[in-house]
C-alpha atoms as a PDB file:
ATOM      1  CA  MET A   1     -75.669  78.158-127.153  1.00  0.00           C
ATOM      2  CA  SER A   2     -73.113  80.786-128.129  1.00  0.00           C
ATOM      3  CA  SER A   3     -71.774  83.375-125.734  1.00  0.00           C
ATOM      4  CA  LEU A   4     -70.892  86.945-126.555  1.00  0.00           C
ATOM      5  CA  THR A   5     -67.862  88.666-125.122  1.00  0.00           C
ATOM      6  CA  HIS A   6     -68.419  92.315-124.381  1.00  0.00           C
ATOM      7  CA  ARG A   7     -65.211  94.332-124.190  1.00  0.00           C
ATOM      8  CA  GLU A   8     -65.515  97.848-122.889  1.00  0.00           C
ATOM      9  CA  GLN A   9     -63.145 100.539-124.081  1.00  0.00           C
ATOM     10  CA  HIS A  10     -62.284 103.171-121.492  1.00  0.00           C
ATOM     11  CA  ARG A  11     -60.492 106.455-122.028  1.00  0.00           C
ATOM     12  CA  THR A  12     -58.013 105.686-119.237  1.00  0.00           C
ATOM     13  CA  GLN A  13     -56.504 103.053-121.512  1.00  0.00           C
ATOM     14  CA  HIS A  14     -55.104 105.890-123.624  1.00  0.00           C
ATOM     15  CA  VAL A  15     -54.082 108.226-120.824  1.00  0.00           C
ATOM     16  CA  ASN A  16     -50.293 107.666-120.989  1.00  0.00           C
ATOM     17  CA  TRP A  17     -49.737 108.146-124.703  1.00  0.00           C
ATOM     18  CA  MET A  18     -52.459 110.792-124.986  1.00  0.00           C
ATOM     19  CA  ARG A  19     -50.923 112.910-122.249  1.00  0.00           C
ATOM     20  CA  ALA A  20     -47.482 112.737-123.842  1.00  0.00           C
ATOM     21  CA  ALA A  21     -48.816 113.378-127.361  1.00  0.00           C
ATOM     22  CA  VAL A  22     -50.946 116.383-126.399  1.00  0.00           C
ATOM     23  CA  LEU A  23     -48.206 117.880-124.227  1.00  0.00           C
ATOM     24  CA  GLY A  24     -45.615 117.422-126.978  1.00  0.00           C
ATOM     25  CA  ALA A  25     -47.725 118.865-129.798  1.00  0.00           C
ATOM     26  CA  ASN A  26     -48.869 121.785-127.648  1.00  0.00           C
ATOM     27  CA  ASP A  27     -45.290 122.616-126.669  1.00  0.00           C
ATOM     28  CA  GLY A  28     -44.145 122.250-130.260  1.00  0.00           C
ATOM     29  CA  ILE A  29     -46.679 124.751-131.556  1.00  0.00           C
ATOM     30  CA  VAL A  30     -46.372 127.251-128.704  1.00  0.00           C
ATOM     31  CA  SER A  31     -42.580 127.290-128.364  1.00  0.00           C
ATOM     32  CA  THR A  32     -41.787 127.297-132.083  1.00  0.00           C
ATOM     33  CA  ALA A  33     -44.450 129.846-132.992  1.00  0.00           C
ATOM     34  CA  SER A  34     -43.360 132.058-130.096  1.00  0.00           C
ATOM     35  CA  LEU A  35     -39.726 131.739-131.150  1.00  0.00           C
ATOM     36  CA  ILE A  36     -40.546 132.640-134.754  1.00  0.00           C
ATOM     37  CA  VAL A  37     -42.708 135.590-133.709  1.00  0.00           C
ATOM     38  CA  GLY A  38     -40.082 136.863-131.261  1.00  0.00           C
ATOM     39  CA  VAL A  39     -37.232 136.636-133.782  1.00  0.00           C
ATOM     40  CA  ALA A  40     -39.357 138.152-136.549  1.00  0.00           C
ATOM     41  CA  ALA A  41     -40.397 141.022-134.279  1.00  0.00           C
ATOM     42  CA  ALA A  42     -36.691 141.802-133.808  1.00  0.00           C
ATOM     43  CA  HIS A  43     -36.509 142.451-137.586  1.00  0.00           C
ATOM     44  CA  ALA A  44     -34.498 139.325-138.398  1.00  0.00           C
ATOM     45  CA  THR A  45     -34.217 138.063-141.957  1.00  0.00           C
ATOM     46  CA  GLN A  46     -36.373 135.160-143.093  1.00  0.00           C
ATOM     47  CA  LYS A  47     -33.270 132.952-143.238  1.00  0.00           C
ATOM     48  CA  ASN A  48     -32.455 133.679-139.607  1.00  0.00           C
ATOM     49  CA  ILE A  49     -36.090 133.117-138.640  1.00  0.00           C
ATOM     50  CA  LEU A  50     -36.073 129.697-140.291  1.00  0.00           C
ATOM     51  CA  ILE A  51     -32.740 128.773-138.715  1.00  0.00           C
ATOM     52  CA  ALA A  52     -34.044 129.739-135.272  1.00  0.00           C
ATOM     53  CA  GLY A  53     -37.294 127.855-135.833  1.00  0.00           C
ATOM     54  CA  THR A  54     -35.533 124.711-137.051  1.00  0.00           C
ATOM     55  CA  ALA A  55     -33.055 124.795-134.173  1.00  0.00           C
ATOM     56  CA  GLY A  56     -35.969 125.232-131.787  1.00  0.00           C
ATOM     57  CA  LEU A  57     -37.726 122.231-133.307  1.00  0.00           C
ATOM     58  CA  VAL A  58     -34.727 119.925-132.908  1.00  0.00           C
ATOM     59  CA  ALA A  59     -33.767 121.157-129.459  1.00  0.00           C
ATOM     60  CA  GLY A  60     -37.342 121.086-128.231  1.00  0.00           C
ATOM     61  CA  ALA A  61     -38.007 117.565-129.490  1.00  0.00           C
ATOM     62  CA  MET A  62     -34.863 116.233-127.834  1.00  0.00           C
ATOM     63  CA  SER A  63     -35.625 118.114-124.635  1.00  0.00           C
ATOM     64  CA  MET A  64     -39.153 116.702-124.539  1.00  0.00           C
ATOM     65  CA  ALA A  65     -37.869 113.176-125.151  1.00  0.00           C
ATOM     66  CA  ALA A  66     -35.186 113.421-122.472  1.00  0.00           C
ATOM     67  CA  GLY A  67     -37.482 115.038-119.913  1.00  0.00           C
ATOM     68  CA  GLU A  68     -40.291 112.570-120.486  1.00  0.00           C
ATOM     69  CA  TYR A  69     -37.918 109.599-120.381  1.00  0.00           C
ATOM     70  CA  VAL A  70     -36.343 110.699-117.097  1.00  0.00           C
ATOM     71  CA  SER A  71     -39.711 111.504-115.532  1.00  0.00           C
ATOM     72  CA  VAL A  72     -41.427 108.276-116.538  1.00  0.00           C
ATOM     73  CA  SER A  73     -38.303 106.234-115.717  1.00  0.00           C
ATOM     74  CA  SER A  74     -38.439 107.601-112.175  1.00  0.00           C
ATOM     75  CA  GLN A  75     -42.067 106.529-111.973  1.00  0.00           C
ATOM     76  CA  ALA A  76     -41.140 103.081-113.300  1.00  0.00           C
ATOM     77  CA  ASP A  77     -38.323 102.781-110.732  1.00  0.00           C
ATOM     78  CA  THR A  78     -40.772 103.586-107.946  1.00  0.00           C
ATOM     79  CA  GLU A  79     -43.239 100.998-109.240  1.00  0.00           C
ATOM     80  CA  ARG A  80     -40.522  98.335-109.425  1.00  0.00           C
ATOM     81  CA  ALA A  81     -39.372  99.121-105.883  1.00  0.00           C
ATOM     82  CA  ASP A  82     -42.924  98.879-104.552  1.00  0.00           C
ATOM     83  CA  LEU A  83     -43.505  95.602-106.368  1.00  0.00           C
ATOM     84  CA  GLU A  84     -40.264  94.144-105.036  1.00  0.00           C
ATOM     85  CA  ARG A  85     -41.207  95.136-101.501  1.00  0.00           C
ATOM     86  CA  GLU A  86     -44.633  93.560-101.966  1.00  0.00           C
ATOM     87  CA  ARG A  87     -43.042  90.394-103.365  1.00  0.00           C
ATOM     88  CA  GLN A  88     -40.853  90.070-100.258  1.00  0.00           C
ATOM     89  CA  GLU A  89     -43.831  90.621 -97.952  1.00  0.00           C
ATOM     90  CA  LEU A  90     -45.744  87.878 -99.751  1.00  0.00           C
ATOM     91  CA  LEU A  91     -42.824  85.500 -99.218  1.00  0.00           C
ATOM     92  CA  THR A  92     -42.380  86.293 -95.531  1.00  0.00           C
ATOM     93  CA  ASP A  93     -45.933  86.902 -94.295  1.00  0.00           C
ATOM     94  CA  LEU A  94     -48.516  85.521 -96.692  1.00  0.00           C
ATOM     95  CA  GLU A  95     -51.356  85.373 -94.178  1.00  0.00           C
ATOM     96  CA  HIS A  96     -50.974  89.027 -93.216  1.00  0.00           C
ATOM     97  CA  GLU A  97     -50.999  90.014 -96.888  1.00  0.00           C
ATOM     98  CA  ARG A  98     -54.187  87.993 -97.431  1.00  0.00           C
ATOM     99  CA  LYS A  99     -55.881  89.777 -94.530  1.00  0.00           C
ATOM    100  CA  GLU A 100     -54.628  93.122 -95.813  1.00  0.00           C
ATOM    101  CA  LEU A 101     -56.148  92.480 -99.234  1.00  0.00           C
ATOM    102  CA  ALA A 102     -59.411  91.306 -97.665  1.00  0.00           C
ATOM    103  CA  SER A 103     -59.622  94.502 -95.612  1.00  0.00           C
ATOM    104  CA  ILE A 104     -59.307  96.535 -98.801  1.00  0.00           C
ATOM    105  CA  TYR A 105     -62.324  94.734-100.252  1.00  0.00           C
ATOM    106  CA  VAL A 106     -64.266  95.212 -97.020  1.00  0.00           C
ATOM    107  CA  ASN A 107     -63.620  98.948 -97.232  1.00  0.00           C
ATOM    108  CA  ARG A 108     -64.964  98.862-100.790  1.00  0.00           C
ATOM    109  CA  GLY A 109     -68.247  97.353 -99.636  1.00  0.00           C
ATOM    110  CA  LEU A 110     -67.904  93.549 -99.494  1.00  0.00           C
ATOM    111  CA  ASP A 111     -68.882  91.688 -96.362  1.00  0.00           C
ATOM    112  CA  PRO A 112     -65.924  90.166 -94.456  1.00  0.00           C
ATOM    113  CA  GLU A 113     -66.597  86.551 -95.456  1.00  0.00           C
ATOM    114  CA  LEU A 114     -66.898  87.347 -99.142  1.00  0.00           C
ATOM    115  CA  ALA A 115     -63.864  89.662 -98.991  1.00  0.00           C
ATOM    116  CA  THR A 116     -61.803  86.880 -97.429  1.00  0.00           C
ATOM    117  CA  GLU A 117     -62.894  84.409-100.113  1.00  0.00           C
ATOM    118  CA  VAL A 118     -62.211  86.887-102.931  1.00  0.00           C
ATOM    119  CA  SER A 119     -58.731  87.655-101.596  1.00  0.00           C
ATOM    120  CA  ARG A 120     -58.000  83.940-101.215  1.00  0.00           C
ATOM    121  CA  GLN A 121     -59.023  83.118-104.779  1.00  0.00           C
ATOM    122  CA  LEU A 122     -57.255  86.093-106.340  1.00  0.00           C
ATOM    123  CA  MET A 123     -54.045  85.414-104.451  1.00  0.00           C
ATOM    124  CA  ALA A 124     -54.180  81.754-105.399  1.00  0.00           C
ATOM    125  CA  LYS A 125     -54.085  82.800-109.053  1.00  0.00           C
ATOM    126  CA  ASP A 126     -51.743  85.825-108.912  1.00  0.00           C
ATOM    127  CA  ALA A 127     -50.928  87.154-105.457  1.00  0.00           C
ATOM    128  CA  LEU A 128     -48.522  89.850-106.599  1.00  0.00           C
ATOM    129  CA  GLY A 129     -50.843  91.016-109.358  1.00  0.00           C
ATOM    130  CA  ALA A 130     -53.767  91.293-106.952  1.00  0.00           C
ATOM    131  CA  HIS A 131     -51.772  93.380-104.480  1.00  0.00           C
ATOM    132  CA  ALA A 132     -50.216  95.497-107.219  1.00  0.00           C
ATOM    133  CA  ARG A 133     -53.631  96.336-108.616  1.00  0.00           C
ATOM    134  CA  ASP A 134     -55.716  96.739-105.462  1.00  0.00           C
ATOM    135  CA  GLU A 135     -53.177  97.833-102.844  1.00  0.00           C
ATOM    136  CA  LEU A 136     -50.621  99.793-104.888  1.00  0.00           C
ATOM    137  CA  GLY A 137     -52.851 100.944-107.731  1.00  0.00           C
ATOM    138  CA  ILE A 138     -50.486  99.589-110.397  1.00  0.00           C
ATOM    139  CA  SER A 139     -52.146  98.011-113.421  1.00  0.00           C
ATOM    140  CA  GLU A 140     -51.023  97.007-116.891  1.00  0.00           C
ATOM    141  CA  ILE A 141     -52.913  99.952-118.406  1.00  0.00           C
ATOM    142  CA  MET A 142     -51.301 102.534-116.124  1.00  0.00           C
ATOM    143  CA  THR A 143     -47.793 101.043-116.001  1.00  0.00           C
ATOM    144  CA  ALA A 144     -45.064 103.569-116.797  1.00  0.00           C
ATOM    145  CA  ARG A 145     -43.415 103.068-120.203  1.00  0.00           C
ATOM    146  CA  PRO A 146     -40.437 105.463-120.497  1.00  0.00           C
ATOM    147  CA  ILE A 147     -39.414 104.711-124.092  1.00  0.00           C
ATOM    148  CA  GLN A 148     -42.979 104.961-125.388  1.00  0.00           C
ATOM    149  CA  ALA A 149     -43.514 108.248-123.561  1.00  0.00           C
ATOM    150  CA  ALA A 150     -40.191 109.704-124.797  1.00  0.00           C
ATOM    151  CA  PHE A 151     -40.801 108.747-128.420  1.00  0.00           C
ATOM    152  CA  THR A 152     -44.391 109.997-128.344  1.00  0.00           C
ATOM    153  CA  SER A 153     -43.370 113.340-126.825  1.00  0.00           C
ATOM    154  CA  ALA A 154     -40.526 113.913-129.285  1.00  0.00           C
ATOM    155  CA  ALA A 155     -42.585 112.945-132.332  1.00  0.00           C
ATOM    156  CA  SER A 156     -45.606 114.989-131.306  1.00  0.00           C
ATOM    157  CA  PHE A 157     -43.425 118.012-130.493  1.00  0.00           C
ATOM    158  CA  ALA A 158     -41.825 117.805-133.935  1.00  0.00           C
ATOM    159  CA  VAL A 159     -45.226 117.550-135.631  1.00  0.00           C
ATOM    160  CA  GLY A 160     -46.508 120.548-133.681  1.00  0.00           C
ATOM    161  CA  ALA A 161     -43.364 122.589-134.350  1.00  0.00           C
ATOM    162  CA  VAL A 162     -43.463 121.900-138.086  1.00  0.00           C
ATOM    163  CA  LEU A 163     -46.823 123.675-138.447  1.00  0.00           C
ATOM    164  CA  PRO A 164     -45.741 127.255-137.616  1.00  0.00           C
ATOM    165  CA  LEU A 165     -42.367 126.632-139.248  1.00  0.00           C
ATOM    166  CA  LEU A 166     -44.079 125.663-142.497  1.00  0.00           C
ATOM    167  CA  VAL A 167     -46.148 128.858-142.391  1.00  0.00           C
ATOM    168  CA  ALA A 168     -42.931 130.865-141.944  1.00  0.00           C
ATOM    169  CA  VAL A 169     -41.445 129.154-145.014  1.00  0.00           C
ATOM    170  CA  LEU A 170     -44.462 129.823-147.217  1.00  0.00           C
ATOM    171  CA  ILE A 171     -45.354 133.330-146.029  1.00  0.00           C
ATOM    172  CA  PRO A 172     -42.351 135.694-145.985  1.00  0.00           C
ATOM    173  CA  GLY A 173     -42.503 139.437-145.440  1.00  0.00           C
ATOM    174  CA  ARG A 174     -44.823 141.519-143.281  1.00  0.00           C
ATOM    175  CA  LEU A 175     -47.585 138.909-143.263  1.00  0.00           C
ATOM    176  CA  LEU A 176     -45.341 136.366-141.544  1.00  0.00           C
ATOM    177  CA  VAL A 177     -45.992 137.388-137.923  1.00  0.00           C
ATOM    178  CA  PRO A 178     -49.789 137.816-138.084  1.00  0.00           C
ATOM    179  CA  LEU A 179     -50.233 134.615-140.112  1.00  0.00           C
ATOM    180  CA  VAL A 180     -47.977 132.562-137.840  1.00  0.00           C
ATOM    181  CA  ILE A 181     -49.953 133.817-134.839  1.00  0.00           C
ATOM    182  CA  ALA A 182     -53.354 133.211-136.454  1.00  0.00           C
ATOM    183  CA  THR A 183     -52.581 129.745-137.801  1.00  0.00           C
ATOM    184  CA  SER A 184     -50.828 128.680-134.589  1.00  0.00           C
ATOM    185  CA  LEU A 185     -53.816 129.709-132.490  1.00  0.00           C
ATOM    186  CA  ALA A 186     -56.064 127.777-134.879  1.00  0.00           C
ATOM    187  CA  PHE A 187     -53.790 124.728-134.553  1.00  0.00           C
ATOM    188  CA  LEU A 188     -53.844 125.041-130.761  1.00  0.00           C
ATOM    189  CA  ALA A 189     -57.628 125.377-130.650  1.00  0.00           C
ATOM    190  CA  SER A 190     -58.007 122.266-132.792  1.00  0.00           C
ATOM    191  CA  LEU A 191     -55.533 120.344-130.641  1.00  0.00           C
ATOM    192  CA  GLY A 192     -57.248 121.392-127.427  1.00  0.00           C
ATOM    193  CA  ALA A 193     -60.664 120.433-128.761  1.00  0.00           C
ATOM    194  CA  LEU A 194     -59.393 117.065-129.997  1.00  0.00           C
ATOM    195  CA  ALA A 195     -57.724 116.292-126.682  1.00  0.00           C
ATOM    196  CA  ALA A 196     -60.891 117.245-124.813  1.00  0.00           C
ATOM    197  CA  VAL A 197     -63.100 115.041-126.994  1.00  0.00           C
ATOM    198  CA  THR A 198     -60.677 112.121-126.641  1.00  0.00           C
ATOM    199  CA  GLY A 199     -60.678 112.555-122.877  1.00  0.00           C
ATOM    200  CA  GLY A 200     -64.453 112.945-122.660  1.00  0.00           C
ATOM    201  CA  ALA A 201     -64.449 116.665-121.783  1.00  0.00           C
ATOM    202  CA  ARG A 202     -66.060 119.680-123.465  1.00  0.00           C
ATOM    203  CA  PRO A 203     -64.154 120.659-126.636  1.00  0.00           C
ATOM    204  CA  GLY A 204     -64.799 124.369-126.188  1.00  0.00           C
ATOM    205  CA  LEU A 205     -63.122 124.461-122.787  1.00  0.00           C
ATOM    206  CA  GLY A 206     -60.139 122.441-124.018  1.00  0.00           C
ATOM    207  CA  ALA A 207     -59.718 124.733-127.026  1.00  0.00           C
ATOM    208  CA  PHE A 208     -59.914 127.870-124.870  1.00  0.00           C
ATOM    209  CA  ARG A 209     -57.303 126.709-122.369  1.00  0.00           C
ATOM    210  CA  VAL A 210     -54.531 125.963-124.860  1.00  0.00           C
ATOM    211  CA  THR A 211     -55.383 128.955-127.053  1.00  0.00           C
ATOM    212  CA  PHE A 212     -55.216 131.374-124.132  1.00  0.00           C
ATOM    213  CA  TRP A 213     -51.778 130.248-122.990  1.00  0.00           C
ATOM    214  CA  GLY A 214     -50.481 130.052-126.545  1.00  0.00           C
ATOM    215  CA  ALA A 215     -51.631 133.607-127.257  1.00  0.00           C
ATOM    216  CA  LEU A 216     -50.032 134.839-124.038  1.00  0.00           C
ATOM    217  CA  ALA A 217     -46.711 133.170-124.873  1.00  0.00           C
ATOM    218  CA  MET A 218     -46.619 134.631-128.380  1.00  0.00           C
ATOM    219  CA  ALA A 219     -47.575 138.090-127.133  1.00  0.00           C
ATOM    220  CA  LEU A 220     -44.762 138.099-124.573  1.00  0.00           C
ATOM    221  CA  THR A 221     -42.115 136.887-127.021  1.00  0.00           C
ATOM    222  CA  ALA A 222     -43.280 139.359-129.661  1.00  0.00           C
ATOM    223  CA  GLY A 223     -42.935 142.150-127.110  1.00  0.00           C
ATOM    224  CA  ILE A 224     -39.430 141.044-126.140  1.00  0.00           C
ATOM    225  CA  GLY A 225     -38.417 140.717-129.793  1.00  0.00           C
ATOM    226  CA  ALA A 226     -39.738 144.157-130.631  1.00  0.00           C
ATOM    227  CA  LEU A 227     -38.014 145.678-127.599  1.00  0.00           C
ATOM    228  CA  PHE A 228     -34.590 144.255-128.375  1.00  0.00           C
ATOM    229  CA  GLY A 229     -35.021 144.833-132.086  1.00  0.00           C
ATOM    230  CA  THR A 230     -35.722 148.504-131.423  1.00  0.00           C
ATOM    231  CA  VAL A 231     -32.772 148.822-129.040  1.00  0.00           C
ATOM    232  CA  VAL A 232     -30.416 147.258-131.563  1.00  0.00           C
END
């Protein structure tokens, strides 16, 4: 008699890379498009607009990578410290740790006898893993990965930043600003909808959120560019 293995796929398995990818691409589109619109509104030449946009792409990607690496590394350091503390407690007071784990299961709905047996069996197989998962909330899926997060953020930022920059290359002249704004808002709406669908939320709401803030950012930078361009 053959047995079938059913493996469920949950959206939380993608939460780390998805968060970094969406954040990076969103920042890439918003910051680069806003920079291009602001510089263009100040009556800069197309060459200067492209230089500013390219510099913004490189600087933004490196900033995203560095910021994400530092942030996630801090999270990883905290996880390692908690695991080391738990490892020492298991070495010095195993019985207390077994009771502590059993009490967690009791609070989740198991009767005391079953909770004690479950904690005993789980700790016999992997005591630290059981406490990391059920006491500290640290699992393999949610473990911080600084290098992965940094690379994902930098790459996604660059991809997002390339989109408005490419429009600025292909569409010079008076149409540059309105087309950069229109295409960037379309890119943001698509990104927001995709992120929402991936995360199990409503695509319309996700699209609206990123589009609203992107439009606000571009409007503010366009106003600043026009103000300083007029003064100059």
